[in-house]
Structure formats: structure tokens, C-alpha cells
Amino acid sequence: MARSLVDTNILVYAQDRKEAIKRPRAVELINRLSAGGEFVLSAQCLNEFSSVVLRRGMPIADLRAAVSTWSGLAEVLPLT
């Protein structure tokens, strides 16, 4: 089975309601990869996502929920 390491930008677009075109595409990609067991994230990607969305004003509870959801859907690669 092929696996796909998802970039930070995909996660950011999936949460950004101002991105009328990119958001639905990012969500669809995440859904498709997770359904096929191909969704892979790095711990670094989740850290970068957290940094970006916190600077943009995302509430910490929403951030925790997003990271928890994605961690349950994806294989998360450690930093090492």
C-alpha cells in the first residue's frame, strides 16, 4: 500500500474557512487518504500546524481537537 506524507499547508487549508477553494480540496484529500489507510503525518508537521494556527488566532481547544482527530486518522511519524 502506498502512503502519503501530508504537508503542513494541507492541514492549515483544511481549517481555514477563508480558503473557499483550497479548504474543500484539503478536506477531501485528508478524507480520501485516511479512508485508504494512506494518511501519514510527521510530528514536525503537527508542530508547524499548531504554530501557524495559534498565530492566526485559533482557540487552543479547537487546535487540540484538530490534532487529536488527525492523530487518530493518520500514522504519525516521530521526530527521530
N, C-alpha and C. Protein backbone atom coordinates (compact mmCIF):
# COMPACT_ATOMS: atom_id res chain seq x y z
N MET A 1 0.85 -1.18 0.00
CA MET A 1 0.00 0.00 0.00
C MET A 1 0.89 1.24 0.00
N ALA A 2 0.56 2.18 -0.83
CA ALA A 2 1.28 3.46 -0.88
C ALA A 2 0.81 4.34 0.28
N ARG A 3 1.73 5.10 0.84
CA ARG A 3 1.40 6.02 1.91
C ARG A 3 1.76 7.42 1.45
N SER A 4 1.06 8.42 1.97
CA SER A 4 1.29 9.80 1.57
C SER A 4 1.54 10.66 2.79
N LEU A 5 2.72 11.25 2.84
CA LEU A 5 3.08 12.17 3.90
C LEU A 5 2.50 13.54 3.56
N VAL A 6 1.60 14.01 4.39
CA VAL A 6 0.86 15.25 4.12
C VAL A 6 1.63 16.45 4.68
N ASP A 7 1.70 17.50 3.89
CA ASP A 7 2.39 18.73 4.25
C ASP A 7 1.55 19.58 5.20
N THR A 8 2.23 20.39 5.98
CA THR A 8 1.58 21.30 6.93
C THR A 8 0.50 22.16 6.27
N ASN A 9 0.78 22.64 5.07
CA ASN A 9 -0.17 23.53 4.39
C ASN A 9 -1.53 22.87 4.17
N ILE A 10 -1.54 21.59 3.92
CA ILE A 10 -2.81 20.88 3.73
C ILE A 10 -3.63 20.95 5.01
N LEU A 11 -2.99 20.75 6.15
CA LEU A 11 -3.70 20.83 7.42
C LEU A 11 -4.21 22.25 7.69
N VAL A 12 -3.38 23.24 7.38
CA VAL A 12 -3.78 24.63 7.58
C VAL A 12 -4.97 24.97 6.68
N TYR A 13 -4.89 24.60 5.41
CA TYR A 13 -6.01 24.88 4.50
C TYR A 13 -7.29 24.19 4.94
N ALA A 14 -7.16 22.99 5.49
CA ALA A 14 -8.35 22.24 5.93
C ALA A 14 -9.08 22.94 7.06
N GLN A 15 -8.39 23.80 7.80
CA GLN A 15 -9.00 24.51 8.93
C GLN A 15 -9.37 25.95 8.61
N ASP A 16 -8.92 26.47 7.48
CA ASP A 16 -9.09 27.89 7.16
C ASP A 16 -10.38 28.13 6.39
N ARG A 17 -11.38 28.63 7.06
CA ARG A 17 -12.69 28.86 6.43
C ARG A 17 -12.65 29.98 5.38
N LYS A 18 -11.58 30.77 5.37
CA LYS A 18 -11.44 31.83 4.37
C LYS A 18 -10.97 31.30 3.02
N GLU A 19 -10.48 30.08 3.01
CA GLU A 19 -9.97 29.46 1.78
C GLU A 19 -11.10 28.68 1.09
N ALA A 20 -11.91 29.40 0.31
CA ALA A 20 -13.10 28.80 -0.30
C ALA A 20 -12.78 27.69 -1.30
N ILE A 21 -11.63 27.75 -1.93
CA ILE A 21 -11.26 26.72 -2.91
C ILE A 21 -10.34 25.68 -2.28
N LYS A 22 -9.33 26.14 -1.55
CA LYS A 22 -8.33 25.22 -1.01
C LYS A 22 -8.87 24.36 0.13
N ARG A 23 -9.76 24.92 0.94
CA ARG A 23 -10.27 24.18 2.10
C ARG A 23 -10.98 22.88 1.70
N PRO A 24 -11.97 22.94 0.80
CA PRO A 24 -12.65 21.69 0.44
C PRO A 24 -11.71 20.67 -0.21
N ARG A 25 -10.74 21.15 -0.97
CA ARG A 25 -9.78 20.23 -1.59
C ARG A 25 -8.92 19.56 -0.53
N ALA A 26 -8.48 20.34 0.46
CA ALA A 26 -7.65 19.78 1.53
C ALA A 26 -8.44 18.76 2.35
N VAL A 27 -9.67 19.09 2.67
CA VAL A 27 -10.52 18.18 3.45
C VAL A 27 -10.76 16.89 2.67
N GLU A 28 -11.03 17.01 1.39
CA GLU A 28 -11.27 15.83 0.55
C GLU A 28 -10.02 14.95 0.49
N LEU A 29 -8.86 15.57 0.36
CA LEU A 29 -7.62 14.82 0.31
C LEU A 29 -7.39 14.06 1.62
N ILE A 30 -7.56 14.74 2.73
CA ILE A 30 -7.39 14.10 4.04
C ILE A 30 -8.38 12.94 4.20
N ASN A 31 -9.62 13.16 3.82
CA ASN A 31 -10.64 12.11 3.93
C ASN A 31 -10.29 10.90 3.05
N ARG A 32 -9.86 11.16 1.83
CA ARG A 32 -9.52 10.08 0.90
C ARG A 32 -8.32 9.28 1.40
N LEU A 33 -7.28 9.99 1.85
CA LEU A 33 -6.09 9.29 2.33
C LEU A 33 -6.38 8.50 3.61
N SER A 34 -7.16 9.07 4.51
CA SER A 34 -7.45 8.36 5.75
C SER A 34 -8.33 7.15 5.49
N ALA A 35 -9.28 7.26 4.57
CA ALA A 35 -10.16 6.13 4.24
C ALA A 35 -9.36 4.97 3.63
N GLY A 36 -8.31 5.32 2.89
CA GLY A 36 -7.49 4.29 2.26
C GLY A 36 -6.32 3.82 3.10
N GLY A 37 -6.21 4.34 4.32
CA GLY A 37 -5.10 3.95 5.19
C GLY A 37 -3.76 4.48 4.72
N GLU A 38 -3.78 5.55 3.93
CA GLU A 38 -2.57 6.11 3.34
C GLU A 38 -2.10 7.41 4.01
N PHE A 39 -2.84 7.90 4.97
CA PHE A 39 -2.61 9.22 5.58
C PHE A 39 -1.46 9.13 6.58
N VAL A 40 -0.41 9.88 6.31
CA VAL A 40 0.77 9.91 7.19
C VAL A 40 1.11 11.35 7.51
N LEU A 41 1.37 11.61 8.79
CA LEU A 41 1.80 12.93 9.25
C LEU A 41 3.10 12.77 10.02
N SER A 42 3.90 13.81 10.03
CA SER A 42 5.07 13.81 10.89
C SER A 42 4.74 14.63 12.13
N ALA A 43 5.43 14.33 13.22
CA ALA A 43 5.26 15.13 14.44
C ALA A 43 5.63 16.58 14.14
N GLN A 44 6.63 16.79 13.30
CA GLN A 44 7.04 18.15 12.92
C GLN A 44 5.90 18.88 12.22
N CYS A 45 5.18 18.20 11.35
CA CYS A 45 4.04 18.79 10.65
C CYS A 45 2.98 19.25 11.64
N LEU A 46 2.67 18.42 12.63
CA LEU A 46 1.68 18.80 13.63
C LEU A 46 2.15 19.99 14.46
N ASN A 47 3.45 20.04 14.76
CA ASN A 47 4.01 21.19 15.48
C ASN A 47 3.91 22.46 14.65
N GLU A 48 4.26 22.36 13.37
CA GLU A 48 4.18 23.53 12.48
C GLU A 48 2.74 24.00 12.34
N PHE A 49 1.81 23.06 12.17
CA PHE A 49 0.40 23.41 12.08
C PHE A 49 -0.04 24.17 13.32
N SER A 50 0.34 23.66 14.48
CA SER A 50 -0.03 24.30 15.75
C SER A 50 0.48 25.72 15.81
N SER A 51 1.71 25.91 15.43
CA SER A 51 2.31 27.25 15.46
C SER A 51 1.57 28.21 14.55
N VAL A 52 1.28 27.77 13.34
CA VAL A 52 0.60 28.64 12.36
C VAL A 52 -0.79 29.03 12.84
N VAL A 53 -1.59 28.05 13.24
CA VAL A 53 -2.98 28.36 13.58
C VAL A 53 -3.11 29.12 14.89
N LEU A 54 -2.19 28.89 15.81
CA LEU A 54 -2.22 29.69 17.05
C LEU A 54 -1.90 31.15 16.75
N ARG A 55 -0.93 31.39 15.86
CA ARG A 55 -0.63 32.78 15.47
C ARG A 55 -1.81 33.43 14.76
N ARG A 56 -2.62 32.63 14.08
CA ARG A 56 -3.80 33.15 13.38
C ARG A 56 -5.02 33.27 14.29
N GLY A 57 -4.88 32.87 15.55
CA GLY A 57 -5.96 33.07 16.50
C GLY A 57 -6.87 31.89 16.77
N MET A 58 -6.50 30.70 16.33
CA MET A 58 -7.33 29.53 16.62
C MET A 58 -7.34 29.28 18.13
N PRO A 59 -8.50 29.07 18.70
CA PRO A 59 -8.56 28.72 20.13
C PRO A 59 -7.84 27.40 20.40
N ILE A 60 -7.18 27.31 21.53
CA ILE A 60 -6.40 26.13 21.88
C ILE A 60 -7.27 24.87 21.92
N ALA A 61 -8.51 24.99 22.33
CA ALA A 61 -9.40 23.82 22.36
C ALA A 61 -9.65 23.29 20.94
N ASP A 62 -9.81 24.19 19.98
CA ASP A 62 -10.00 23.78 18.58
C ASP A 62 -8.74 23.13 18.03
N LEU A 63 -7.59 23.69 18.41
CA LEU A 63 -6.31 23.13 17.98
C LEU A 63 -6.16 21.71 18.52
N ARG A 64 -6.42 21.54 19.79
CA ARG A 64 -6.31 20.20 20.39
C ARG A 64 -7.24 19.20 19.70
N ALA A 65 -8.45 19.64 19.40
CA ALA A 65 -9.41 18.75 18.73
C ALA A 65 -8.91 18.35 17.34
N ALA A 66 -8.39 19.31 16.60
CA ALA A 66 -7.89 19.02 15.24
C ALA A 66 -6.72 18.04 15.30
N VAL A 67 -5.76 18.31 16.17
CA VAL A 67 -4.59 17.44 16.28
C VAL A 67 -5.00 16.04 16.76
N SER A 68 -5.92 15.97 17.68
CA SER A 68 -6.40 14.68 18.16
C SER A 68 -7.09 13.90 17.04
N THR A 69 -7.92 14.57 16.28
CA THR A 69 -8.61 13.92 15.17
C THR A 69 -7.62 13.38 14.15
N TRP A 70 -6.69 14.24 13.72
CA TRP A 70 -5.72 13.81 12.71
C TRP A 70 -4.81 12.72 13.23
N SER A 71 -4.44 12.77 14.49
CA SER A 71 -3.59 11.73 15.06
C SER A 71 -4.31 10.38 15.07
N GLY A 72 -5.63 10.43 15.18
CA GLY A 72 -6.40 9.19 15.13
C GLY A 72 -6.62 8.67 13.72
N LEU A 73 -6.53 9.54 12.73
CA LEU A 73 -6.76 9.15 11.35
C LEU A 73 -5.47 8.75 10.61
N ALA A 74 -4.35 9.29 11.07
CA ALA A 74 -3.09 9.14 10.36
C ALA A 74 -2.07 8.36 11.16
N GLU A 75 -1.12 7.81 10.45
CA GLU A 75 0.08 7.33 11.12
C GLU A 75 0.93 8.57 11.39
N VAL A 76 1.37 8.77 12.61
CA VAL A 76 2.19 9.93 12.95
C VAL A 76 3.63 9.45 13.15
N LEU A 77 4.51 9.99 12.32
CA LEU A 77 5.92 9.63 12.40
C LEU A 77 6.60 10.46 13.48
N PRO A 78 7.44 9.84 14.30
CA PRO A 78 8.12 10.57 15.36
C PRO A 78 9.20 11.50 14.79
N LEU A 79 9.73 12.34 15.65
CA LEU A 79 10.76 13.29 15.23
C LEU A 79 12.07 12.60 14.85
N THR A 80 12.34 11.45 15.41
CA THR A 80 13.61 10.78 15.14
C THR A 80 13.55 9.92 13.90
